[in-house]
Amino acid sequence: SGTVRTFSMELMEKIEARVVALAKSVAEAYGASAEVSFRVLFHPVMNEAGATAFAGDVCSALVGDGNVVRKGAPGTGSEDFSFMTEKVPGCYVIIGNGESSSSLHNPNYDFNDDALVYGGSFFARVVEQELPSKVTT
């Protein structure tokens, strides 16, 4: 068993086809057969450029541009938020927990309660800025 993480569904499909073909051909070479169960549980999160810029601007207004990382290295974490961004343009935002914090899913992780005000303020400002453009009079 194993896991496969990619930055596109096209590559995921290519890897699946290759794994199936490889398993079957190796088994056949030894007079056996193989069956592969290749389950894609999560798709890659693809941040939409406009939503990402908007979220970055909201964050900069809250904490200053020097405290906002607008572009980071791609990651291979599993996140079901990907299914939402396939239907509605959006972006995945990480609210910082402090530089000395352990990462999520680590037994030493300790949520910084002071970060709640930033997360709440972020979502309130998104609503304040977006809702008026959606309301018609």
C-alpha atoms as a PDB file:
ATOM      1  CA  SER A   1       0.000   0.000   0.000  1.00  0.00           C
ATOM      2  CA  GLY A   2       1.040   3.602  -0.310  1.00  0.00           C
ATOM      3  CA  THR A   3      -0.023   7.125  -1.045  1.00  0.00           C
ATOM      4  CA  VAL A   4       0.328   9.351  -4.088  1.00  0.00           C
ATOM      5  CA  ARG A   5       0.176  13.140  -3.959  1.00  0.00           C
ATOM      6  CA  THR A   6       0.253  15.329  -7.063  1.00  0.00           C
ATOM      7  CA  PHE A   7      -0.283  18.947  -8.043  1.00  0.00           C
ATOM      8  CA  SER A   8      -2.816  18.109 -10.771  1.00  0.00           C
ATOM      9  CA  MET A   9      -5.510  15.530 -11.405  1.00  0.00           C
ATOM     10  CA  GLU A  10      -4.067  14.917 -14.878  1.00  0.00           C
ATOM     11  CA  LEU A  11      -0.829  13.687 -13.335  1.00  0.00           C
ATOM     12  CA  MET A  12      -2.764  11.624 -10.775  1.00  0.00           C
ATOM     13  CA  GLU A  13      -4.594   9.857 -13.622  1.00  0.00           C
ATOM     14  CA  LYS A  14      -1.307   9.161 -15.425  1.00  0.00           C
ATOM     15  CA  ILE A  15       0.235   7.706 -12.281  1.00  0.00           C
ATOM     16  CA  GLU A  16      -2.810   5.526 -11.660  1.00  0.00           C
ATOM     17  CA  ALA A  17      -2.689   4.131 -15.200  1.00  0.00           C
ATOM     18  CA  ARG A  18       1.050   3.488 -14.905  1.00  0.00           C
ATOM     19  CA  VAL A  19       0.755   1.764 -11.495  1.00  0.00           C
ATOM     20  CA  VAL A  20      -2.011  -0.504 -12.795  1.00  0.00           C
ATOM     21  CA  ALA A  21      -0.071  -1.344 -15.959  1.00  0.00           C
ATOM     22  CA  LEU A  22       3.141  -1.993 -14.033  1.00  0.00           C
ATOM     23  CA  ALA A  23       1.485  -4.222 -11.423  1.00  0.00           C
ATOM     24  CA  LYS A  24      -0.281  -6.266 -14.094  1.00  0.00           C
ATOM     25  CA  SER A  25       2.806  -6.664 -16.278  1.00  0.00           C
ATOM     26  CA  VAL A  26       5.054  -7.712 -13.359  1.00  0.00           C
ATOM     27  CA  ALA A  27       2.445 -10.223 -12.176  1.00  0.00           C
ATOM     28  CA  GLU A  28       2.005 -11.568 -15.713  1.00  0.00           C
ATOM     29  CA  ALA A  29       5.773 -12.026 -16.052  1.00  0.00           C
ATOM     30  CA  TYR A  30       5.579 -14.471 -13.141  1.00  0.00           C
ATOM     31  CA  GLY A  31       2.443 -16.250 -14.371  1.00  0.00           C
ATOM     32  CA  ALA A  32       0.162 -14.480 -11.932  1.00  0.00           C
ATOM     33  CA  SER A  33      -2.410 -11.732 -12.049  1.00  0.00           C
ATOM     34  CA  ALA A  34      -2.727  -8.482 -10.142  1.00  0.00           C
ATOM     35  CA  GLU A  35      -5.593  -6.291  -9.099  1.00  0.00           C
ATOM     36  CA  VAL A  36      -4.923  -2.704  -8.053  1.00  0.00           C
ATOM     37  CA  SER A  37      -7.200  -0.652  -5.824  1.00  0.00           C
ATOM     38  CA  PHE A  38      -6.141   2.941  -6.540  1.00  0.00           C
ATOM     39  CA  ARG A  39      -8.402   5.245  -4.556  1.00  0.00           C
ATOM     40  CA  VAL A  40      -8.116   9.000  -4.938  1.00  0.00           C
ATOM     41  CA  LEU A  41      -9.396  10.364  -1.638  1.00  0.00           C
ATOM     42  CA  PHE A  42      -8.475  14.022  -2.161  1.00  0.00           C
ATOM     43  CA  HIS A  43      -7.743  16.187  -5.161  1.00  0.00           C
ATOM     44  CA  PRO A  44      -5.052  18.882  -5.185  1.00  0.00           C
ATOM     45  CA  VAL A  45      -6.123  22.275  -3.825  1.00  0.00           C
ATOM     46  CA  MET A  46      -5.791  24.788  -6.636  1.00  0.00           C
ATOM     47  CA  ASN A  47      -5.940  28.387  -5.429  1.00  0.00           C
ATOM     48  CA  GLU A  48      -7.646  30.751  -7.872  1.00  0.00           C
ATOM     49  CA  ALA A  49      -5.516  33.859  -8.557  1.00  0.00           C
ATOM     50  CA  GLY A  50      -8.241  36.454  -7.941  1.00  0.00           C
ATOM     51  CA  ALA A  51      -9.433  34.891  -4.702  1.00  0.00           C
ATOM     52  CA  THR A  52      -5.843  34.527  -3.521  1.00  0.00           C
ATOM     53  CA  ALA A  53      -5.061  38.194  -4.203  1.00  0.00           C
ATOM     54  CA  PHE A  54      -8.289  39.271  -2.466  1.00  0.00           C
ATOM     55  CA  ALA A  55      -7.546  37.127   0.613  1.00  0.00           C
ATOM     56  CA  GLY A  56      -3.979  38.451   0.734  1.00  0.00           C
ATOM     57  CA  ASP A  57      -5.243  42.022   0.638  1.00  0.00           C
ATOM     58  CA  VAL A  58      -7.695  41.339   3.471  1.00  0.00           C
ATOM     59  CA  CYS A  59      -4.909  39.777   5.537  1.00  0.00           C
ATOM     60  CA  SER A  60      -2.551  42.689   4.799  1.00  0.00           C
ATOM     61  CA  ALA A  61      -5.179  45.174   5.976  1.00  0.00           C
ATOM     62  CA  LEU A  62      -5.478  43.212   9.234  1.00  0.00           C
ATOM     63  CA  VAL A  63      -1.841  42.544  10.129  1.00  0.00           C
ATOM     64  CA  GLY A  64       0.329  44.468   7.657  1.00  0.00           C
ATOM     65  CA  ASP A  65       1.807  43.247   4.396  1.00  0.00           C
ATOM     66  CA  GLY A  66       5.062  42.236   6.080  1.00  0.00           C
ATOM     67  CA  ASN A  67       3.178  39.607   8.067  1.00  0.00           C
ATOM     68  CA  VAL A  68       1.486  37.998   5.061  1.00  0.00           C
ATOM     69  CA  VAL A  69       3.039  35.253   2.947  1.00  0.00           C
ATOM     70  CA  ARG A  70       1.329  35.567  -0.420  1.00  0.00           C
ATOM     71  CA  LYS A  71       3.201  32.844  -2.239  1.00  0.00           C
ATOM     72  CA  GLY A  72       4.677  29.721  -0.748  1.00  0.00           C
ATOM     73  CA  ALA A  73       5.993  26.443  -1.991  1.00  0.00           C
ATOM     74  CA  PRO A  74       3.320  23.974  -3.101  1.00  0.00           C
ATOM     75  CA  GLY A  75       2.421  21.412  -0.471  1.00  0.00           C
ATOM     76  CA  THR A  76       1.200  17.861  -0.666  1.00  0.00           C
ATOM     77  CA  GLY A  77      -1.116  17.753   2.328  1.00  0.00           C
ATOM     78  CA  SER A  78      -4.532  16.122   2.049  1.00  0.00           C
ATOM     79  CA  GLU A  79      -7.415  18.557   2.153  1.00  0.00           C
ATOM     80  CA  ASP A  80     -11.058  18.060   1.195  1.00  0.00           C
ATOM     81  CA  PHE A  81     -11.324  21.819   0.562  1.00  0.00           C
ATOM     82  CA  SER A  82     -10.120  20.881  -2.944  1.00  0.00           C
ATOM     83  CA  PHE A  83     -13.601  19.656  -3.831  1.00  0.00           C
ATOM     84  CA  MET A  84     -15.070  23.077  -3.016  1.00  0.00           C
ATOM     85  CA  THR A  85     -12.522  24.963  -5.132  1.00  0.00           C
ATOM     86  CA  GLU A  86     -13.325  22.704  -8.071  1.00  0.00           C
ATOM     87  CA  LYS A  87     -16.876  24.129  -7.977  1.00  0.00           C
ATOM     88  CA  VAL A  88     -16.323  27.688  -6.686  1.00  0.00           C
ATOM     89  CA  PRO A  89     -13.138  29.726  -7.212  1.00  0.00           C
ATOM     90  CA  GLY A  90     -11.371  30.171  -3.895  1.00  0.00           C
ATOM     91  CA  CYS A  91      -8.136  29.833  -1.998  1.00  0.00           C
ATOM     92  CA  TYR A  92      -6.852  28.046   1.063  1.00  0.00           C
ATOM     93  CA  VAL A  93      -5.767  30.472   3.781  1.00  0.00           C
ATOM     94  CA  ILE A  94      -3.539  29.528   6.695  1.00  0.00           C
ATOM     95  CA  ILE A  95      -3.863  31.714   9.776  1.00  0.00           C
ATOM     96  CA  GLY A  96      -0.493  31.653  11.535  1.00  0.00           C
ATOM     97  CA  ASN A  97      -0.116  30.072  14.950  1.00  0.00           C
ATOM     98  CA  GLY A  98       3.278  31.630  15.728  1.00  0.00           C
ATOM     99  CA  GLU A  99       6.769  30.843  14.539  1.00  0.00           C
ATOM    100  CA  SER A 100       7.563  28.538  17.468  1.00  0.00           C
ATOM    101  CA  SER A 101       4.447  26.413  16.945  1.00  0.00           C
ATOM    102  CA  SER A 102       4.640  22.745  16.080  1.00  0.00           C
ATOM    103  CA  SER A 103       2.818  21.809  12.898  1.00  0.00           C
ATOM    104  CA  LEU A 104      -0.689  20.397  12.771  1.00  0.00           C
ATOM    105  CA  HIS A 105      -1.098  16.660  13.399  1.00  0.00           C
ATOM    106  CA  ASN A 106       1.949  16.780  15.662  1.00  0.00           C
ATOM    107  CA  PRO A 107       1.517  15.665  19.293  1.00  0.00           C
ATOM    108  CA  ASN A 108       3.247  18.882  20.432  1.00  0.00           C
ATOM    109  CA  TYR A 109       0.842  21.157  18.539  1.00  0.00           C
ATOM    110  CA  ASP A 110      -0.835  23.702  20.807  1.00  0.00           C
ATOM    111  CA  PHE A 111      -3.412  25.986  19.227  1.00  0.00           C
ATOM    112  CA  ASN A 112      -2.681  29.638  19.928  1.00  0.00           C
ATOM    113  CA  ASP A 113      -5.990  31.035  21.179  1.00  0.00           C
ATOM    114  CA  ASP A 114      -4.788  34.560  20.349  1.00  0.00           C
ATOM    115  CA  ALA A 115      -5.049  33.608  16.660  1.00  0.00           C
ATOM    116  CA  LEU A 116      -8.845  33.353  16.940  1.00  0.00           C
ATOM    117  CA  VAL A 117      -9.247  37.123  16.670  1.00  0.00           C
ATOM    118  CA  TYR A 118      -7.337  37.118  13.367  1.00  0.00           C
ATOM    119  CA  GLY A 119      -9.336  34.266  11.875  1.00  0.00           C
ATOM    120  CA  GLY A 120     -12.626  35.796  12.964  1.00  0.00           C
ATOM    121  CA  SER A 121     -11.601  39.235  11.713  1.00  0.00           C
ATOM    122  CA  PHE A 122     -10.519  37.797   8.377  1.00  0.00           C
ATOM    123  CA  PHE A 123     -13.884  36.166   7.732  1.00  0.00           C
ATOM    124  CA  ALA A 124     -15.820  39.215   8.961  1.00  0.00           C
ATOM    125  CA  ARG A 125     -13.903  41.477   6.570  1.00  0.00           C
ATOM    126  CA  VAL A 126     -14.412  39.099   3.672  1.00  0.00           C
ATOM    127  CA  VAL A 127     -18.160  39.237   4.293  1.00  0.00           C
ATOM    128  CA  GLU A 128     -18.108  43.035   4.716  1.00  0.00           C
ATOM    129  CA  GLN A 129     -16.297  43.479   1.410  1.00  0.00           C
ATOM    130  CA  GLU A 130     -18.034  40.803  -0.647  1.00  0.00           C
ATOM    131  CA  LEU A 131     -21.635  40.928   0.560  1.00  0.00           C
ATOM    132  CA  PRO A 132     -22.395  44.491  -0.618  1.00  0.00           C
ATOM    133  CA  SER A 133     -21.372  43.570  -4.177  1.00  0.00           C
ATOM    134  CA  LYS A 134     -23.840  40.648  -4.134  1.00  0.00           C
ATOM    135  CA  VAL A 135     -26.845  42.565  -2.745  1.00  0.00           C
ATOM    136  CA  THR A 136     -29.124  44.295  -5.200  1.00  0.00           C
ATOM    137  CA  THR A 137     -31.486  47.084  -4.228  1.00  0.00           C
END
